């Protein structure tokens, strides 16, 4: 699941995709059907990247990406408008170590709503860029014969780096104050 560039904006419903960055903030596009554009000013709006969000746990915090992955394999994900008790039971299945006192029903509703927005998107099923090369290397290593290839050694010596002496600062004489005339 590749959630890089997907953010939640405080005060704005839904999820947003970061398109580009300017001096004052980010240009975002909503992930819903309208594809609304928004310029989020960093001085006024709070952005939370989904791949960095964690949920309070008893021993250690639980990554949102792990919870969403478990929700993907769950049999039936409730609607975000269901009762808080049913959401709590569902969260005990997908995140059994979450701290029930710190994770509120509103938090669970928000996460379930995010899941329903993301589940049909192609980025939800693709592998993040940081994990993809490792998986490709494992596959490519199995297909290649075990032959060691030596890289050629550089034949030219590196150029010597010379430092230029910094110019000496010359002291300028201080300006003397002129005496005032007595009037």
N, C-alpha and C. Protein backbone atom coordinates (compact mmCIF):
# COMPACT_ATOMS: atom_id res chain seq x y z
N UNK A 1 0.84 -1.16 0.00
CA UNK A 1 0.00 0.00 0.00
C UNK A 1 0.90 1.23 0.00
N UNK A 2 0.69 2.07 -0.99
CA UNK A 2 1.52 3.26 -1.15
C UNK A 2 0.69 4.49 -0.80
N UNK A 3 0.92 5.03 0.38
CA UNK A 3 0.16 6.20 0.84
C UNK A 3 1.00 7.47 0.83
N UNK A 4 2.12 7.45 0.14
CA UNK A 4 2.96 8.64 0.09
C UNK A 4 2.27 9.72 -0.71
N UNK A 5 2.25 10.91 -0.16
CA UNK A 5 1.63 12.04 -0.82
C UNK A 5 0.15 12.20 -0.51
N UNK A 6 -0.43 11.28 0.28
CA UNK A 6 -1.83 11.37 0.67
C UNK A 6 -1.87 12.00 2.06
N UNK A 7 -2.64 13.08 2.21
CA UNK A 7 -2.68 13.81 3.47
C UNK A 7 -4.12 14.06 3.91
N UNK A 8 -4.25 14.29 5.20
CA UNK A 8 -5.51 14.75 5.78
C UNK A 8 -5.27 16.19 6.21
N UNK A 9 -6.21 17.05 5.91
CA UNK A 9 -6.09 18.47 6.22
C UNK A 9 -7.07 18.79 7.35
N UNK A 10 -6.56 19.43 8.40
CA UNK A 10 -7.43 19.79 9.52
C UNK A 10 -8.50 20.76 9.05
N UNK A 11 -9.74 20.49 9.45
CA UNK A 11 -10.84 21.35 9.07
C UNK A 11 -11.45 21.04 7.72
N UNK A 12 -10.88 20.12 6.96
CA UNK A 12 -11.39 19.74 5.65
C UNK A 12 -11.73 18.26 5.66
N UNK A 13 -12.91 17.89 5.19
CA UNK A 13 -13.27 16.47 5.17
C UNK A 13 -12.54 15.72 4.06
N UNK A 14 -12.41 14.42 4.23
CA UNK A 14 -11.84 13.58 3.20
C UNK A 14 -10.33 13.56 3.20
N UNK A 15 -9.80 13.01 2.13
CA UNK A 15 -8.35 12.89 1.95
C UNK A 15 -7.93 13.68 0.72
N UNK A 16 -6.67 14.09 0.73
CA UNK A 16 -6.13 14.93 -0.33
C UNK A 16 -4.82 14.36 -0.81
N UNK A 17 -4.53 14.58 -2.09
CA UNK A 17 -3.26 14.17 -2.68
C UNK A 17 -2.43 15.42 -2.94
N UNK A 18 -1.18 15.41 -2.47
CA UNK A 18 -0.29 16.55 -2.67
C UNK A 18 0.23 16.52 -4.11
N UNK A 19 -0.10 17.57 -4.87
CA UNK A 19 0.33 17.65 -6.26
C UNK A 19 1.69 18.32 -6.38
N UNK A 20 1.84 19.47 -5.71
CA UNK A 20 3.11 20.19 -5.75
C UNK A 20 3.21 21.10 -4.54
N UNK A 21 4.37 21.72 -4.42
CA UNK A 21 4.63 22.60 -3.29
C UNK A 21 5.04 23.96 -3.82
N UNK A 22 4.58 25.00 -3.12
CA UNK A 22 5.01 26.35 -3.46
C UNK A 22 5.63 26.99 -2.22
N UNK A 23 5.87 28.29 -2.26
CA UNK A 23 6.55 28.95 -1.15
C UNK A 23 5.77 28.88 0.16
N UNK A 24 4.47 29.00 0.07
CA UNK A 24 3.67 29.10 1.29
C UNK A 24 3.03 27.79 1.72
N UNK A 25 2.98 26.80 0.88
CA UNK A 25 2.33 25.56 1.27
C UNK A 25 2.29 24.55 0.16
N UNK A 26 1.18 23.81 0.10
CA UNK A 26 1.03 22.73 -0.87
C UNK A 26 -0.22 22.95 -1.72
N UNK A 27 -0.17 22.47 -2.94
CA UNK A 27 -1.34 22.43 -3.80
C UNK A 27 -1.87 21.01 -3.72
N UNK A 28 -3.12 20.89 -3.27
CA UNK A 28 -3.72 19.59 -3.01
C UNK A 28 -4.91 19.36 -3.93
N UNK A 29 -5.20 18.07 -4.17
CA UNK A 29 -6.36 17.68 -4.95
C UNK A 29 -7.12 16.64 -4.14
N UNK A 30 -8.44 16.80 -4.06
CA UNK A 30 -9.24 15.86 -3.27
C UNK A 30 -9.30 14.50 -3.98
N UNK A 31 -9.45 13.45 -3.20
CA UNK A 31 -9.51 12.11 -3.76
C UNK A 31 -10.94 11.68 -4.09
N UNK A 32 -11.90 12.56 -3.91
CA UNK A 32 -13.28 12.20 -4.23
C UNK A 32 -13.55 12.45 -5.72
N UNK A 33 -14.79 12.31 -6.12
CA UNK A 33 -15.16 12.40 -7.53
C UNK A 33 -15.02 13.82 -8.08
N UNK A 34 -15.16 14.86 -7.24
CA UNK A 34 -15.10 16.24 -7.73
C UNK A 34 -13.70 16.69 -8.10
N UNK A 35 -12.67 16.09 -7.53
CA UNK A 35 -11.27 16.47 -7.78
C UNK A 35 -11.04 17.95 -7.51
N UNK A 36 -11.52 18.41 -6.37
CA UNK A 36 -11.39 19.81 -5.96
C UNK A 36 -9.92 20.13 -5.68
N UNK A 37 -9.48 21.29 -6.12
CA UNK A 37 -8.11 21.74 -5.84
C UNK A 37 -8.13 22.67 -4.64
N UNK A 38 -7.05 22.63 -3.86
CA UNK A 38 -6.94 23.44 -2.65
C UNK A 38 -5.50 23.85 -2.47
N UNK A 39 -5.27 25.10 -2.10
CA UNK A 39 -3.93 25.56 -1.74
C UNK A 39 -3.91 25.63 -0.23
N UNK A 40 -3.15 24.73 0.39
CA UNK A 40 -3.06 24.67 1.85
C UNK A 40 -1.86 25.48 2.31
N UNK A 41 -2.12 26.54 3.03
CA UNK A 41 -1.08 27.40 3.56
C UNK A 41 -0.53 26.75 4.83
N UNK A 42 0.76 26.55 4.91
CA UNK A 42 1.36 25.86 6.06
C UNK A 42 1.25 26.66 7.35
N UNK A 43 1.06 27.95 7.26
CA UNK A 43 0.95 28.74 8.48
C UNK A 43 -0.44 28.64 9.10
N UNK A 44 -1.44 28.25 8.32
CA UNK A 44 -2.80 28.18 8.86
C UNK A 44 -3.37 26.77 8.89
N UNK A 45 -2.98 25.90 7.97
CA UNK A 45 -3.55 24.55 7.90
C UNK A 45 -2.57 23.53 8.46
N UNK A 46 -3.13 22.50 9.08
CA UNK A 46 -2.30 21.40 9.58
C UNK A 46 -2.50 20.21 8.66
N UNK A 47 -1.39 19.70 8.13
CA UNK A 47 -1.43 18.54 7.25
C UNK A 47 -0.86 17.34 7.99
N UNK A 48 -1.50 16.18 7.80
CA UNK A 48 -1.01 14.95 8.39
C UNK A 48 -0.88 13.91 7.28
N UNK A 49 0.34 13.46 7.02
CA UNK A 49 0.59 12.44 6.00
C UNK A 49 0.12 11.09 6.53
N UNK A 50 -0.66 10.37 5.74
CA UNK A 50 -1.22 9.10 6.21
C UNK A 50 -0.16 8.05 6.50
N UNK A 51 0.95 8.08 5.77
CA UNK A 51 1.98 7.08 6.01
C UNK A 51 2.78 7.36 7.29
N UNK A 52 2.54 8.48 7.95
CA UNK A 52 3.23 8.80 9.19
C UNK A 52 2.33 8.79 10.42
N UNK A 53 1.03 8.56 10.24
CA UNK A 53 0.08 8.58 11.35
C UNK A 53 0.17 7.28 12.13
N UNK A 54 0.11 7.39 13.45
CA UNK A 54 0.09 6.22 14.33
C UNK A 54 -1.12 6.30 15.24
N UNK A 55 -1.50 5.14 15.77
CA UNK A 55 -2.63 5.02 16.68
C UNK A 55 -2.07 4.63 18.04
N UNK A 56 -2.63 5.22 19.12
CA UNK A 56 -2.16 4.90 20.46
C UNK A 56 -2.32 3.41 20.73
N UNK A 57 -1.26 2.80 21.26
CA UNK A 57 -1.29 1.39 21.63
C UNK A 57 -0.86 1.23 23.07
N UNK A 58 -1.06 0.04 23.62
CA UNK A 58 -0.67 -0.20 25.00
C UNK A 58 0.85 -0.22 25.15
N UNK A 59 1.53 -1.02 24.35
CA UNK A 59 2.98 -1.13 24.44
C UNK A 59 3.68 -0.10 23.58
N UNK A 60 3.31 -0.06 22.31
CA UNK A 60 3.88 0.93 21.39
C UNK A 60 2.81 1.35 20.41
N UNK A 61 3.04 2.46 19.74
CA UNK A 61 2.05 2.98 18.80
C UNK A 61 1.94 2.06 17.58
N UNK A 62 0.74 2.03 17.01
CA UNK A 62 0.45 1.18 15.86
C UNK A 62 0.38 2.06 14.62
N UNK A 63 1.09 1.68 13.56
CA UNK A 63 1.07 2.46 12.32
C UNK A 63 -0.29 2.33 11.64
N UNK A 64 -0.75 3.44 11.09
CA UNK A 64 -2.02 3.45 10.37
C UNK A 64 -1.97 2.53 9.16
N UNK A 65 -0.82 2.44 8.51
CA UNK A 65 -0.70 1.58 7.34
C UNK A 65 -0.91 0.11 7.71
N UNK A 66 -0.46 -0.29 8.91
CA UNK A 66 -0.68 -1.66 9.36
C UNK A 66 -2.16 -1.92 9.62
N UNK A 67 -2.84 -0.96 10.21
CA UNK A 67 -4.27 -1.10 10.50
C UNK A 67 -5.06 -1.17 9.19
N UNK A 68 -4.72 -0.31 8.23
CA UNK A 68 -5.41 -0.33 6.94
C UNK A 68 -5.16 -1.64 6.19
N UNK A 69 -3.96 -2.20 6.31
CA UNK A 69 -3.66 -3.49 5.68
C UNK A 69 -4.51 -4.60 6.29
N UNK A 70 -4.69 -4.58 7.61
CA UNK A 70 -5.54 -5.57 8.26
C UNK A 70 -7.01 -5.36 7.91
N UNK A 71 -7.40 -4.10 7.73
CA UNK A 71 -8.77 -3.81 7.33
C UNK A 71 -9.04 -4.33 5.92
N UNK A 72 -8.01 -4.31 5.07
CA UNK A 72 -8.15 -4.80 3.70
C UNK A 72 -8.46 -6.30 3.68
N UNK A 73 -7.87 -7.04 4.64
CA UNK A 73 -8.09 -8.49 4.69
C UNK A 73 -9.28 -8.87 5.55
N UNK A 74 -9.89 -7.91 6.25
CA UNK A 74 -11.03 -8.20 7.12
C UNK A 74 -12.24 -8.60 6.27
N UNK A 75 -13.09 -9.44 6.87
CA UNK A 75 -14.26 -9.95 6.14
C UNK A 75 -15.24 -8.84 5.79
N UNK A 76 -15.67 -8.08 6.79
CA UNK A 76 -16.62 -7.00 6.51
C UNK A 76 -16.23 -5.79 7.34
N UNK A 77 -15.99 -4.69 6.64
CA UNK A 77 -15.63 -3.43 7.28
C UNK A 77 -16.92 -2.64 7.48
N UNK A 78 -17.21 -2.21 8.71
CA UNK A 78 -18.45 -1.46 8.94
C UNK A 78 -18.40 -0.09 8.28
N UNK A 79 -19.56 0.51 8.15
CA UNK A 79 -19.66 1.86 7.62
C UNK A 79 -19.16 2.84 8.68
N UNK A 80 -18.72 4.01 8.25
CA UNK A 80 -18.21 4.99 9.21
C UNK A 80 -19.31 5.60 10.07
N UNK A 81 -20.58 5.38 9.69
CA UNK A 81 -21.69 5.94 10.46
C UNK A 81 -22.31 4.93 11.41
N UNK A 82 -21.69 3.78 11.58
CA UNK A 82 -22.23 2.78 12.50
C UNK A 82 -21.98 3.19 13.94
N UNK A 83 -22.56 2.43 14.84
CA UNK A 83 -22.49 2.70 16.27
C UNK A 83 -21.04 2.58 16.77
N UNK A 84 -20.70 3.35 17.79
CA UNK A 84 -19.36 3.33 18.36
C UNK A 84 -18.97 1.99 18.95
N UNK A 85 -19.95 1.25 19.49
CA UNK A 85 -19.67 -0.07 20.08
C UNK A 85 -19.26 -1.06 19.00
N UNK A 86 -19.94 -1.01 17.85
CA UNK A 86 -19.59 -1.92 16.75
C UNK A 86 -18.22 -1.56 16.17
N UNK A 87 -17.93 -0.27 16.09
CA UNK A 87 -16.60 0.15 15.62
C UNK A 87 -15.52 -0.30 16.59
N UNK A 88 -15.80 -0.23 17.89
CA UNK A 88 -14.82 -0.68 18.89
C UNK A 88 -14.55 -2.18 18.74
N UNK A 89 -15.62 -2.98 18.52
CA UNK A 89 -15.45 -4.42 18.32
C UNK A 89 -14.61 -4.69 17.06
N UNK A 90 -14.89 -3.94 16.01
CA UNK A 90 -14.13 -4.11 14.78
C UNK A 90 -12.67 -3.73 15.00
N UNK A 91 -12.41 -2.65 15.71
CA UNK A 91 -11.03 -2.23 15.96
C UNK A 91 -10.29 -3.21 16.86
N UNK A 92 -11.00 -3.91 17.73
CA UNK A 92 -10.35 -4.94 18.53
C UNK A 92 -9.88 -6.10 17.66
N UNK A 93 -10.51 -6.29 16.49
CA UNK A 93 -10.07 -7.32 15.55
C UNK A 93 -8.85 -6.86 14.75
N UNK A 94 -8.89 -5.65 14.20
CA UNK A 94 -7.83 -5.20 13.30
C UNK A 94 -6.65 -4.55 14.04
N UNK A 95 -6.88 -4.02 15.22
CA UNK A 95 -5.81 -3.42 16.03
C UNK A 95 -6.03 -3.82 17.49
N UNK A 96 -5.73 -5.07 17.84
CA UNK A 96 -6.05 -5.54 19.19
C UNK A 96 -5.27 -4.83 20.30
N UNK A 97 -4.13 -4.23 19.98
CA UNK A 97 -3.32 -3.57 21.01
C UNK A 97 -3.61 -2.08 21.14
N UNK A 98 -4.67 -1.57 20.52
CA UNK A 98 -4.92 -0.13 20.61
C UNK A 98 -5.43 0.21 22.01
N UNK A 99 -5.09 1.39 22.47
CA UNK A 99 -5.48 1.86 23.80
C UNK A 99 -6.91 2.38 23.72
N UNK A 100 -7.83 1.67 24.37
CA UNK A 100 -9.25 2.01 24.26
C UNK A 100 -9.60 3.34 24.93
N UNK A 101 -8.80 3.79 25.87
CA UNK A 101 -9.07 5.07 26.53
C UNK A 101 -8.61 6.26 25.69
N UNK A 102 -7.58 6.07 24.87
CA UNK A 102 -7.03 7.18 24.10
C UNK A 102 -7.56 7.24 22.67
N UNK A 103 -8.02 6.11 22.14
CA UNK A 103 -8.56 6.08 20.78
C UNK A 103 -10.08 6.22 20.89
N UNK A 104 -10.59 7.37 20.47
CA UNK A 104 -12.00 7.69 20.60
C UNK A 104 -12.80 7.13 19.42
N UNK A 105 -14.12 7.12 19.58
CA UNK A 105 -15.00 6.66 18.50
C UNK A 105 -14.86 7.55 17.27
N UNK A 106 -14.65 8.83 17.46
CA UNK A 106 -14.47 9.74 16.32
C UNK A 106 -13.21 9.40 15.53
N UNK A 107 -12.15 8.98 16.23
CA UNK A 107 -10.93 8.56 15.54
C UNK A 107 -11.18 7.31 14.71
N UNK A 108 -11.90 6.35 15.28
CA UNK A 108 -12.19 5.11 14.56
C UNK A 108 -13.08 5.39 13.34
N UNK A 109 -14.05 6.28 13.48
CA UNK A 109 -14.91 6.63 12.36
C UNK A 109 -14.10 7.28 11.23
N UNK A 110 -13.16 8.12 11.61
CA UNK A 110 -12.32 8.79 10.62
C UNK A 110 -11.46 7.77 9.87
N UNK A 111 -10.89 6.80 10.58
CA UNK A 111 -10.04 5.80 9.95
C UNK A 111 -10.87 4.91 9.02
N UNK A 112 -12.06 4.51 9.46
CA UNK A 112 -12.94 3.69 8.61
C UNK A 112 -13.36 4.48 7.37
N UNK A 113 -13.66 5.75 7.54
CA UNK A 113 -14.01 6.60 6.40
C UNK A 113 -12.84 6.70 5.43
N UNK A 114 -11.63 6.88 5.92
CA UNK A 114 -10.44 6.93 5.07
C UNK A 114 -10.28 5.61 4.31
N UNK A 115 -10.53 4.48 5.00
CA UNK A 115 -10.40 3.18 4.35
C UNK A 115 -11.38 3.07 3.18
N UNK A 116 -12.61 3.51 3.37
CA UNK A 116 -13.60 3.44 2.31
C UNK A 116 -13.25 4.35 1.13
N UNK A 117 -12.55 5.45 1.39
CA UNK A 117 -12.10 6.33 0.31
C UNK A 117 -10.97 5.66 -0.47
N UNK A 118 -10.05 5.02 0.25
CA UNK A 118 -8.84 4.49 -0.36
C UNK A 118 -8.97 3.09 -0.98
N UNK A 119 -9.92 2.29 -0.53
CA UNK A 119 -9.94 0.87 -0.89
C UNK A 119 -10.06 0.61 -2.39
N UNK A 120 -10.71 1.47 -3.14
CA UNK A 120 -10.89 1.25 -4.57
C UNK A 120 -9.83 1.92 -5.43
N UNK A 121 -8.90 2.61 -4.81
CA UNK A 121 -7.87 3.33 -5.57
C UNK A 121 -6.71 2.39 -5.89
N UNK A 122 -6.09 2.57 -7.05
CA UNK A 122 -4.95 1.70 -7.41
C UNK A 122 -3.75 1.88 -6.49
N UNK A 123 -3.56 3.07 -5.94
CA UNK A 123 -2.41 3.29 -5.06
C UNK A 123 -2.53 2.51 -3.76
N UNK A 124 -3.74 2.11 -3.40
CA UNK A 124 -3.95 1.35 -2.17
C UNK A 124 -3.40 -0.07 -2.30
N UNK A 125 -3.29 -0.57 -3.54
CA UNK A 125 -2.81 -1.92 -3.76
C UNK A 125 -1.37 -1.99 -4.24
N UNK A 126 -0.75 -0.85 -4.53
CA UNK A 126 0.63 -0.89 -5.02
C UNK A 126 1.62 -0.83 -3.87
N UNK A 127 2.83 -1.28 -4.14
CA UNK A 127 3.89 -1.33 -3.14
C UNK A 127 4.59 0.02 -3.09
N UNK A 128 4.90 0.54 -1.87
CA UNK A 128 5.61 1.81 -1.78
C UNK A 128 6.98 1.73 -2.44
N UNK A 129 7.50 2.87 -2.85
CA UNK A 129 8.79 2.92 -3.54
C UNK A 129 9.93 2.42 -2.67
N UNK A 130 9.84 2.57 -1.34
CA UNK A 130 10.92 2.13 -0.47
C UNK A 130 10.96 0.61 -0.36
N UNK A 131 9.82 -0.07 -0.52
CA UNK A 131 9.79 -1.51 -0.42
C UNK A 131 9.96 -2.18 -1.78
N UNK A 132 9.65 -1.50 -2.86
CA UNK A 132 9.69 -2.10 -4.18
C UNK A 132 11.09 -2.55 -4.60
N UNK A 133 12.16 -1.73 -4.44
CA UNK A 133 13.47 -2.20 -4.88
C UNK A 133 13.93 -3.44 -4.12
N UNK A 134 13.63 -3.55 -2.86
CA UNK A 134 14.05 -4.72 -2.10
C UNK A 134 13.37 -5.97 -2.63
N UNK A 135 12.10 -5.88 -2.97
CA UNK A 135 11.38 -7.03 -3.52
C UNK A 135 11.90 -7.38 -4.91
N UNK A 136 12.21 -6.38 -5.73
CA UNK A 136 12.72 -6.63 -7.06
C UNK A 136 14.11 -7.24 -7.00
N UNK A 137 14.94 -6.80 -6.06
CA UNK A 137 16.28 -7.36 -5.94
C UNK A 137 16.22 -8.82 -5.54
N UNK A 138 15.31 -9.18 -4.67
CA UNK A 138 15.19 -10.56 -4.26
C UNK A 138 14.77 -11.43 -5.43
N UNK A 139 13.85 -10.92 -6.26
CA UNK A 139 13.42 -11.68 -7.43
C UNK A 139 14.53 -11.76 -8.47
N UNK A 140 15.23 -10.67 -8.70
CA UNK A 140 16.26 -10.66 -9.72
C UNK A 140 17.48 -11.46 -9.29
N UNK A 141 17.79 -11.53 -8.00
CA UNK A 141 18.91 -12.31 -7.52
C UNK A 141 18.66 -13.79 -7.73
N UNK A 142 17.44 -14.23 -7.60
CA UNK A 142 17.12 -15.64 -7.78
C UNK A 142 17.25 -16.03 -9.25
N UNK A 143 16.96 -15.12 -10.16
CA UNK A 143 17.02 -15.43 -11.59
C UNK A 143 18.43 -15.36 -12.15
N UNK A 144 19.32 -14.61 -11.55
CA UNK A 144 20.67 -14.42 -12.05
C UNK A 144 21.58 -15.56 -11.55
N UNK A 145 22.52 -15.97 -12.37
CA UNK A 145 23.49 -16.95 -11.89
C UNK A 145 24.44 -16.27 -10.91
N UNK A 146 25.01 -17.06 -10.03
CA UNK A 146 25.90 -16.51 -9.00
C UNK A 146 27.29 -16.32 -9.58
N UNK A 147 27.52 -15.20 -10.26
CA UNK A 147 28.81 -14.87 -10.84
C UNK A 147 29.22 -13.51 -10.30
N UNK A 148 30.42 -13.44 -9.77
CA UNK A 148 30.91 -12.17 -9.24
C UNK A 148 31.48 -11.34 -10.37
N UNK A 149 31.06 -10.11 -10.45
CA UNK A 149 31.55 -9.19 -11.47
C UNK A 149 32.34 -8.10 -10.77
N UNK A 150 33.58 -7.93 -11.25
CA UNK A 150 34.43 -6.88 -10.67
C UNK A 150 34.20 -5.59 -11.43
N UNK A 151 34.14 -4.53 -10.69
CA UNK A 151 34.01 -3.22 -11.32
C UNK A 151 35.41 -2.71 -11.65
N UNK A 152 35.57 -2.00 -12.77
CA UNK A 152 36.89 -1.48 -13.12
C UNK A 152 37.35 -0.43 -12.12
N UNK A 153 38.62 -0.46 -11.86
CA UNK A 153 39.22 0.49 -10.92
C UNK A 153 39.61 1.75 -11.69
N UNK A 154 39.41 2.89 -11.10
CA UNK A 154 39.74 4.15 -11.75
C UNK A 154 41.24 4.23 -11.97
N UNK A 155 41.65 4.61 -13.18
CA UNK A 155 43.07 4.65 -13.51
C UNK A 155 43.67 6.02 -13.30
N UNK A 156 42.85 7.03 -13.20
CA UNK A 156 43.38 8.37 -13.00
C UNK A 156 43.32 8.72 -11.53
N UNK A 157 44.33 9.41 -11.10
CA UNK A 157 44.37 9.84 -9.70
C UNK A 157 43.44 11.03 -9.52
N UNK A 158 42.83 11.15 -8.38
CA UNK A 158 41.94 12.30 -8.17
C UNK A 158 42.74 13.60 -8.17
N UNK A 159 42.12 14.63 -8.65
CA UNK A 159 42.78 15.93 -8.71
C UNK A 159 42.96 16.48 -7.31
N UNK A 160 44.08 17.13 -7.11
CA UNK A 160 44.36 17.72 -5.80
C UNK A 160 43.50 18.95 -5.61
N UNK A 161 42.99 19.08 -4.43
CA UNK A 161 42.17 20.24 -4.10
C UNK A 161 43.06 21.25 -3.41
N UNK A 162 43.11 22.45 -3.95
CA UNK A 162 43.92 23.49 -3.32
C UNK A 162 43.00 24.52 -2.71
N UNK A 163 43.40 24.96 -1.57
CA UNK A 163 42.63 26.00 -0.90
C UNK A 163 43.34 27.32 -1.10
N UNK A 164 42.56 28.32 -1.37
CA UNK A 164 43.13 29.65 -1.49
C UNK A 164 43.09 30.31 -0.13
N UNK A 165 44.13 31.06 0.13
CA UNK A 165 44.19 31.76 1.41
C UNK A 165 43.13 32.85 1.43
N UNK A 166 42.45 32.95 2.54
CA UNK A 166 41.43 33.98 2.69
C UNK A 166 42.10 35.34 2.78
N UNK A 167 41.54 36.34 2.14
CA UNK A 167 42.17 37.67 2.21
C UNK A 167 42.13 38.19 3.65
N UNK A 168 43.22 38.85 3.99
CA UNK A 168 43.30 39.39 5.35
C UNK A 168 42.43 40.62 5.45
N UNK A 169 41.79 40.72 6.55
CA UNK A 169 40.93 41.88 6.79
C UNK A 169 41.81 43.06 7.20
N UNK A 170 41.60 44.18 6.57
CA UNK A 170 42.37 45.36 6.93
C UNK A 170 41.55 46.19 7.89
N UNK A 171 42.21 46.68 8.88
CA UNK A 171 41.52 47.49 9.89
C UNK A 171 41.38 48.91 9.37
N UNK A 172 40.17 49.40 9.42
CA UNK A 172 39.92 50.78 9.02
C UNK A 172 39.97 51.65 10.26
N UNK A 173 40.49 52.83 10.12
CA UNK A 173 40.53 53.71 11.29
C UNK A 173 39.12 54.13 11.67
N UNK A 174 38.90 54.20 12.95
CA UNK A 174 37.58 54.59 13.44
C UNK A 174 37.39 56.09 13.23
N UNK A 175 36.18 56.43 12.93
CA UNK A 175 35.88 57.85 12.73
C UNK A 175 35.85 58.52 14.10
N UNK A 176 36.44 59.67 14.18
CA UNK A 176 36.45 60.39 15.44
C UNK A 176 35.30 61.38 15.46
N UNK A 177 34.74 61.53 16.58
CA UNK A 177 33.60 62.43 16.72
C UNK A 177 34.12 63.86 16.79
N UNK A 178 33.45 64.76 16.12
CA UNK A 178 33.82 66.17 16.17
C UNK A 178 33.24 66.79 17.42
N UNK A 179 34.00 67.65 18.08
CA UNK A 179 33.45 68.28 19.28
C UNK A 179 32.35 69.28 18.89
N UNK A 180 31.38 69.36 19.74
CA UNK A 180 30.26 70.30 19.49
C UNK A 180 30.69 71.71 19.87
N UNK A 181 30.12 72.61 19.15
CA UNK A 181 30.39 74.01 19.51
C UNK A 181 29.49 74.41 20.63
N UNK A 182 30.00 75.12 21.51
CA UNK A 182 29.21 75.62 22.62
C UNK A 182 28.46 76.86 22.16
N UNK A 183 27.22 76.91 22.38
CA UNK A 183 26.45 78.07 21.94
C UNK A 183 25.96 78.87 23.09
